[in-house]
Amino acid sequence: MKLSWHVYGLDLRTPLRISRSVTTRRDAVRVVLEHDGFRGHGEVVTSVFYDLDVPRIVELLTEAAPVVSAVDPEDLLAALPPLPPGVLAALDAAVHDLLAVRAGIPLYSLVGDPQWTDVPTAFTIGIGDPRSCAAQAAELTGRGFSVLKVKVGGPDDVATVRAVREAAPDARLILDPNGGWTAEQAVRVLEELPAVDALEQPFPPGRFDELAWLRERCPVPLVADEDAATADDVKALAGLVDGVNVKLAKCGGIAKAREIIDTARDADLDVMLGCLVASSLGIAPAVHLTSHARWVDLDGHLLLARDPWQGLGGEDGTLRLTGAPGLGVVPR
């Protein structure tokens, strides 16, 4: 089996501000696995939060190439050395894509889901002033979006969420402070807000006592993100939260995500499927798992000025797979 890769840039349509950073661009690395005339693709994006830049990604892929060349696709994941989750997720996606293409079936069938249905995705509204966020909410719901994720942790959270609710009265709202609140602040803000559908990772990870305290007082489902990177993390969160956000770039790919999803189900926790800003290639693996999720937040490709891949839809708020073998995305 042969491994190759290509580096390219992904510019956002507009800057995305969250409580800890502002994103205008990511670099991405497409990985390609070739075996017996079949190809599989995956993508890893750069991330300051996950300590991944292009030189480190390329270095890790270069080190992995000899291992890849020595194994068959079915044995790749077991043979790989320890890798950061984002790089592992790209290789995991590529090998799943290759195997599904070789079998002539969509990836969701390969991982045990005989059917897949179109699914609404959230669209992320970054931190901004109430008027601009409301205008964006109105525009998005006018296009067909029924779920909006509102980034909070700024100076005008209450006014912003109220403005968004007024502009999009029927939309489901997910609030995401990205760890920018305290537990007490979360309670105080939620008391002042109209109904929302979920609250995600209100304060930095590792504060399990505060999660337990907040859950007793939280009027909406509480979802862990950075606190839930592995199946063992999810076991430890049982009884402390209502759900977990599963991101393939955080956990290491489809195989790891299925393990976390199964663990969450056993712990009576709901699942959110989330993502980083990425092209349709980077988002596609998670889209094939949406039958397992209560909340779908897979809009990374919709935030781009130009997506170099296509095949997921979502521009009207609904993700649609083509049913083609593998990941089902193709270069634009």
Protein backbone atom coordinates (compact mmCIF):
# COMPACT_ATOMS: atom_id res chain seq x y z
CA MET A 1 0.00 0.00 0.00
CA LYS A 2 1.23 3.49 -0.88
CA LEU A 3 0.73 6.69 1.12
CA SER A 4 0.93 10.17 -0.41
CA TRP A 5 -0.31 13.61 0.64
CA HIS A 6 -0.93 17.12 -0.60
CA VAL A 7 -1.08 20.44 1.31
CA TYR A 8 -3.61 23.18 0.52
CA GLY A 9 -5.33 26.12 2.22
CA LEU A 10 -8.92 26.54 3.38
CA ASP A 11 -10.08 30.16 3.70
CA LEU A 12 -13.23 30.90 5.66
CA ARG A 13 -16.01 32.94 4.11
CA THR A 14 -16.02 35.21 7.17
CA PRO A 15 -13.86 35.15 10.34
CA LEU A 16 -15.19 32.79 13.02
CA ARG A 17 -14.78 34.15 16.53
CA ILE A 18 -15.10 31.92 19.59
CA SER A 19 -14.24 32.64 23.22
CA ARG A 20 -10.58 31.65 22.85
CA SER A 21 -9.66 32.57 19.27
CA VAL A 22 -10.60 33.92 15.83
CA THR A 23 -10.22 31.70 12.77
CA THR A 24 -9.88 33.03 9.23
CA ARG A 25 -8.04 30.14 7.60
CA ARG A 26 -6.80 26.62 8.14
CA ASP A 27 -4.26 24.63 6.21
CA ALA A 28 -5.22 21.10 5.32
CA VAL A 29 -3.38 17.97 4.26
CA ARG A 30 -5.13 15.46 2.02
CA VAL A 31 -3.85 11.92 2.51
CA VAL A 32 -4.22 9.28 -0.19
CA LEU A 33 -3.87 5.52 0.23
CA GLU A 34 -3.47 3.38 -2.89
CA HIS A 35 -3.73 -0.41 -3.03
CA ASP A 36 -4.43 -2.76 -5.96
CA GLY A 37 -5.78 0.05 -8.13
CA PHE A 38 -8.10 1.48 -5.47
CA ARG A 39 -7.73 4.81 -3.69
CA GLY A 40 -8.94 6.13 -0.36
CA HIS A 41 -8.83 9.72 0.84
CA GLY A 42 -8.77 11.52 4.17
CA GLU A 43 -8.00 14.99 5.46
CA VAL A 44 -6.28 16.46 8.51
CA VAL A 45 -6.52 20.18 9.23
CA THR A 46 -4.14 22.33 11.21
CA SER A 47 -5.18 23.31 14.72
CA VAL A 48 -3.48 25.43 17.36
CA PHE A 49 -5.71 23.85 20.02
CA TYR A 50 -4.60 20.34 19.02
CA ASP A 51 -0.99 21.43 18.38
CA LEU A 52 -0.96 20.44 14.73
CA ASP A 53 0.70 22.52 12.03
CA VAL A 54 1.70 21.52 8.52
CA PRO A 55 5.37 20.68 9.27
CA ARG A 56 4.37 18.38 12.12
CA ILE A 57 1.65 16.69 10.08
CA VAL A 58 4.02 16.10 7.16
CA GLU A 59 6.72 14.80 9.51
CA LEU A 60 4.29 12.30 11.07
CA LEU A 61 3.04 11.11 7.69
CA THR A 62 6.62 10.69 6.48
CA GLU A 63 7.37 8.53 9.51
CA ALA A 64 4.20 6.49 8.96
CA ALA A 65 4.82 5.85 5.23
CA PRO A 66 7.13 2.81 5.70
CA VAL A 67 4.56 1.18 7.98
CA VAL A 68 1.82 1.81 5.45
CA SER A 69 3.85 0.31 2.63
CA ALA A 70 4.34 -2.92 4.56
CA VAL A 71 0.72 -3.79 5.38
CA ASP A 72 -2.60 -4.52 3.72
CA PRO A 73 -5.49 -2.06 4.23
CA GLU A 74 -7.26 -4.31 6.74
CA ASP A 75 -4.19 -4.31 8.98
CA LEU A 76 -3.26 -0.63 8.78
CA LEU A 77 -4.90 0.78 11.90
CA ALA A 78 -3.44 -1.92 14.15
CA ALA A 79 0.04 -1.43 12.64
CA LEU A 80 0.29 2.35 12.95
CA PRO A 81 2.50 3.91 15.64
CA PRO A 82 0.91 6.32 18.15
CA LEU A 83 -0.28 9.42 16.29
CA PRO A 84 -2.14 12.61 17.24
CA PRO A 85 -5.88 12.02 16.83
CA GLY A 86 -6.23 14.38 13.86
CA VAL A 87 -3.57 12.58 11.83
CA LEU A 88 -4.89 9.17 12.86
CA ALA A 89 -8.41 10.25 11.85
CA ALA A 90 -7.22 11.18 8.36
CA LEU A 91 -5.54 7.80 7.85
CA ASP A 92 -8.54 6.05 9.38
CA ALA A 93 -10.85 7.86 6.93
CA ALA A 94 -8.62 7.02 3.97
CA VAL A 95 -8.46 3.31 4.74
CA HIS A 96 -12.22 3.12 5.37
CA ASP A 97 -12.80 4.98 2.11
CA LEU A 98 -10.51 2.59 0.23
CA LEU A 99 -12.17 -0.51 1.67
CA ALA A 100 -15.67 0.79 0.95
CA VAL A 101 -14.76 1.81 -2.60
CA ARG A 102 -13.22 -1.62 -3.17
CA ALA A 103 -16.41 -3.26 -1.90
CA GLY A 104 -18.58 -0.93 -3.99
CA ILE A 105 -20.62 0.28 -1.02
CA PRO A 106 -21.06 3.57 0.87
CA LEU A 107 -18.93 3.91 3.97
CA TYR A 108 -21.96 3.83 6.28
CA SER A 109 -22.71 0.31 5.04
CA LEU A 110 -19.12 -0.74 5.69
CA VAL A 111 -19.40 0.33 9.35
CA GLY A 112 -22.68 -1.47 9.96
CA ASP A 113 -25.48 0.97 9.05
CA PRO A 114 -27.55 -0.52 6.22
CA GLN A 115 -29.40 2.74 5.56
CA TRP A 116 -28.70 6.45 5.82
CA THR A 117 -31.20 9.31 5.75
CA ASP A 118 -30.82 13.02 5.05
CA VAL A 119 -30.16 14.91 8.29
CA PRO A 120 -30.32 18.56 9.42
CA THR A 121 -27.03 20.09 10.49
CA ALA A 122 -26.43 23.05 12.76
CA PHE A 123 -24.73 26.13 11.37
CA THR A 124 -22.32 28.01 13.63
CA ILE A 125 -22.80 31.70 14.39
CA GLY A 126 -19.58 33.09 15.84
CA ILE A 127 -19.36 35.63 18.66
CA GLY A 128 -20.55 39.01 17.46
CA ASP A 129 -22.83 41.89 18.28
CA PRO A 130 -26.56 41.11 18.68
CA ARG A 131 -27.62 42.85 15.48
CA SER A 132 -25.18 41.05 13.17
CA CYS A 133 -25.86 37.67 14.80
CA ALA A 134 -29.60 38.18 14.43
CA ALA A 135 -29.18 39.10 10.77
CA GLN A 136 -27.16 35.96 10.19
CA ALA A 137 -29.75 33.84 12.00
CA ALA A 138 -32.53 35.25 9.83
CA GLU A 139 -30.54 34.62 6.67
CA LEU A 140 -29.72 31.04 7.69
CA THR A 141 -33.26 30.08 8.62
CA GLY A 142 -34.42 31.67 5.40
CA ARG A 143 -32.13 29.25 3.56
CA GLY A 144 -33.60 26.29 5.45
CA PHE A 145 -31.46 25.84 8.56
CA SER A 146 -33.48 24.60 11.54
CA VAL A 147 -30.56 24.23 13.99
CA LEU A 148 -28.15 27.04 14.94
CA LYS A 149 -25.09 26.81 17.16
CA VAL A 150 -24.42 30.15 18.81
CA LYS A 151 -20.91 30.78 20.07
CA VAL A 152 -20.99 32.61 23.39
CA GLY A 153 -18.43 33.73 25.94
CA GLY A 154 -18.36 37.34 24.79
CA PRO A 155 -19.56 40.56 26.43
CA ASP A 156 -23.16 40.47 25.09
CA ASP A 157 -24.19 36.82 25.44
CA VAL A 158 -27.71 37.38 26.77
CA ALA A 159 -28.55 40.14 24.29
CA THR A 160 -27.08 38.14 21.42
CA VAL A 161 -28.97 34.94 22.13
CA ARG A 162 -32.21 36.86 22.65
CA ALA A 163 -31.69 38.62 19.31
CA VAL A 164 -30.99 35.33 17.56
CA ARG A 165 -34.09 33.77 19.10
CA GLU A 166 -36.23 36.71 17.96
CA ALA A 167 -34.82 36.46 14.44
CA ALA A 168 -35.18 32.65 14.34
CA PRO A 169 -38.12 31.83 16.63
CA ASP A 170 -38.51 28.23 15.46
CA ALA A 171 -34.84 27.20 15.28
CA ARG A 172 -33.23 24.82 17.74
CA LEU A 173 -30.38 26.69 19.46
CA ILE A 174 -27.20 25.13 20.84
CA LEU A 175 -25.00 27.38 22.98
CA ASP A 176 -21.24 26.83 22.97
CA PRO A 177 -19.01 28.94 25.24
CA ASN A 178 -15.92 26.86 24.29
CA GLY A 179 -14.95 26.77 27.96
CA GLY A 180 -15.36 30.52 28.36
CA TRP A 181 -17.89 30.54 31.20
CA THR A 182 -17.88 29.55 34.85
CA ALA A 183 -20.48 27.19 36.28
CA GLU A 184 -22.15 30.05 38.15
CA GLN A 185 -22.18 32.18 35.01
CA ALA A 186 -23.83 29.37 33.07
CA VAL A 187 -26.68 29.17 35.57
CA ARG A 188 -27.09 32.94 35.65
CA VAL A 189 -27.12 33.35 31.86
CA LEU A 190 -29.48 30.45 31.21
CA GLU A 191 -31.96 31.91 33.69
CA GLU A 192 -32.14 35.04 31.52
CA LEU A 193 -32.47 33.30 28.17
CA PRO A 194 -35.33 31.85 26.15
CA ALA A 195 -35.34 28.08 25.77
CA VAL A 196 -32.32 26.51 24.07
CA ASP A 197 -31.72 22.92 23.00
CA ALA A 198 -28.34 22.24 24.63
CA LEU A 199 -25.34 23.80 26.37
CA GLU A 200 -21.92 22.56 25.28
CA GLN A 201 -18.68 22.58 27.33
CA PRO A 202 -19.37 25.75 29.36
CA PHE A 203 -16.02 25.81 31.19
CA PRO A 204 -12.53 24.34 30.66
CA PRO A 205 -12.15 20.54 30.82
CA GLY A 206 -11.21 18.60 33.93
CA ARG A 207 -13.70 20.20 36.33
CA PHE A 208 -15.91 17.20 37.01
CA ASP A 209 -17.17 18.49 40.37
CA GLU A 210 -18.38 21.64 38.64
CA LEU A 211 -20.08 19.58 35.92
CA ALA A 212 -21.99 17.66 38.58
CA TRP A 213 -22.94 20.93 40.33
CA LEU A 214 -24.08 22.54 37.08
CA ARG A 215 -26.06 19.57 35.84
CA GLU A 216 -28.26 19.70 38.94
CA ARG A 217 -29.11 23.32 38.10
CA CYS A 218 -29.00 23.29 34.31
CA PRO A 219 -32.45 23.50 32.66
CA VAL A 220 -31.16 22.19 29.31
CA PRO A 221 -29.07 19.16 28.26
CA LEU A 222 -25.40 19.60 29.22
CA VAL A 223 -22.94 18.29 26.61
CA ALA A 224 -19.23 17.64 27.19
CA ASP A 225 -16.78 18.32 24.34
CA GLU A 226 -13.13 18.66 25.36
CA ASP A 227 -13.89 16.54 28.43
CA ALA A 228 -14.92 13.64 26.16
CA ALA A 229 -11.98 12.61 23.97
CA THR A 230 -11.94 8.84 24.63
CA ALA A 231 -14.27 6.03 25.62
CA ASP A 232 -12.74 6.05 29.11
CA ASP A 233 -13.55 9.78 29.35
CA VAL A 234 -17.16 9.01 28.49
CA LYS A 235 -17.37 6.34 31.18
CA ALA A 236 -16.13 8.88 33.73
CA LEU A 237 -18.75 11.41 32.59
CA ALA A 238 -21.72 9.09 33.17
CA GLY A 239 -24.16 10.86 35.47
CA LEU A 240 -22.33 14.21 35.17
CA VAL A 241 -23.60 15.32 31.75
CA ASP A 242 -26.43 14.50 29.38
CA GLY A 243 -24.39 14.04 26.22
CA VAL A 244 -20.95 14.05 24.61
CA ASN A 245 -19.63 15.74 21.48
CA VAL A 246 -17.82 13.22 19.29
CA LYS A 247 -15.31 14.77 16.88
CA LEU A 248 -13.26 12.42 14.73
CA ALA A 249 -10.29 14.82 14.77
CA LYS A 250 -10.42 14.72 18.57
CA CYS A 251 -10.82 10.96 19.10
CA GLY A 252 -8.86 9.52 16.15
CA GLY A 253 -11.35 8.54 13.47
CA ILE A 254 -14.32 6.36 12.65
CA ALA A 255 -13.23 3.28 14.60
CA LYS A 256 -12.59 5.30 17.78
CA ALA A 257 -15.79 7.28 17.30
CA ARG A 258 -17.88 4.10 17.11
CA GLU A 259 -16.29 2.94 20.36
CA ILE A 260 -17.18 6.24 22.05
CA ILE A 261 -20.73 6.17 20.64
CA ASP A 262 -21.29 2.64 21.95
CA THR A 263 -19.89 3.64 25.35
CA ALA A 264 -22.16 6.70 25.46
CA ARG A 265 -25.18 4.57 24.65
CA ASP A 266 -24.31 2.16 27.46
CA ALA A 267 -23.97 5.14 29.83
CA ASP A 268 -27.35 6.56 28.75
CA LEU A 269 -25.69 9.62 27.20
CA ASP A 270 -26.81 11.31 23.99
CA VAL A 271 -24.34 12.00 21.17
CA MET A 272 -23.50 15.16 19.30
CA LEU A 273 -21.38 14.80 16.18
CA GLY A 274 -19.11 17.83 15.81
CA CYS A 275 -16.22 18.93 13.63
CA LEU A 276 -13.46 21.41 12.98
CA VAL A 277 -13.44 23.76 10.02
CA ALA A 278 -12.57 21.42 7.13
CA SER A 279 -13.49 20.63 3.55
CA SER A 280 -16.23 18.19 2.60
CA LEU A 281 -13.52 15.52 2.53
CA GLY A 282 -12.70 16.16 6.19
CA ILE A 283 -16.37 16.31 7.25
CA ALA A 284 -17.59 13.28 5.28
CA PRO A 285 -16.49 10.46 7.64
CA ALA A 286 -18.63 11.87 10.48
CA VAL A 287 -21.62 12.35 8.17
CA HIS A 288 -21.71 8.58 7.69
CA LEU A 289 -22.24 8.20 11.47
CA THR A 290 -25.15 10.63 11.88
CA SER A 291 -27.72 7.90 12.50
CA HIS A 292 -26.19 7.60 15.98
CA ALA A 293 -26.48 11.29 16.93
CA ARG A 294 -29.15 13.40 18.62
CA TRP A 295 -27.39 16.60 17.56
CA VAL A 296 -25.53 16.99 14.24
CA ASP A 297 -23.08 19.89 14.01
CA LEU A 298 -21.21 19.14 10.80
CA ASP A 299 -20.96 22.51 9.09
CA GLY A 300 -17.17 22.88 8.75
CA HIS A 301 -17.33 22.75 4.95
CA LEU A 302 -20.15 25.31 4.87
CA LEU A 303 -17.96 27.93 6.54
CA LEU A 304 -15.45 27.95 3.66
CA ALA A 305 -15.11 30.55 0.94
CA ARG A 306 -14.39 27.69 -1.45
CA ASP A 307 -14.75 24.00 -0.66
CA PRO A 308 -12.36 21.97 -2.86
CA TRP A 309 -14.62 18.89 -2.47
CA GLN A 310 -18.34 18.30 -2.95
CA GLY A 311 -20.93 15.64 -2.27
CA LEU A 312 -22.41 16.39 1.17
CA GLY A 313 -24.85 19.21 0.48
CA GLY A 314 -25.86 21.20 3.53
CA GLU A 315 -26.19 24.64 1.96
CA ASP A 316 -29.93 24.57 2.77
CA GLY A 317 -29.41 23.10 6.25
CA THR A 318 -29.69 19.43 5.28
CA LEU A 319 -26.81 17.03 4.65
CA ARG A 320 -27.35 14.62 1.78
CA LEU A 321 -25.10 11.76 0.75
CA THR A 322 -25.02 10.64 -2.88
CA GLY A 323 -24.93 6.91 -2.10
CA ALA A 324 -21.68 6.57 -4.06
CA PRO A 325 -19.12 4.02 -2.80
CA GLY A 326 -16.76 5.13 -0.04
CA LEU A 327 -16.99 8.58 1.49
CA GLY A 328 -19.12 9.78 -1.42
CA VAL A 329 -17.26 13.05 -2.03
CA VAL A 330 -15.36 14.09 -5.13
CA PRO A 331 -13.05 16.99 -6.05
CA ARG A 332 -14.97 20.09 -7.08
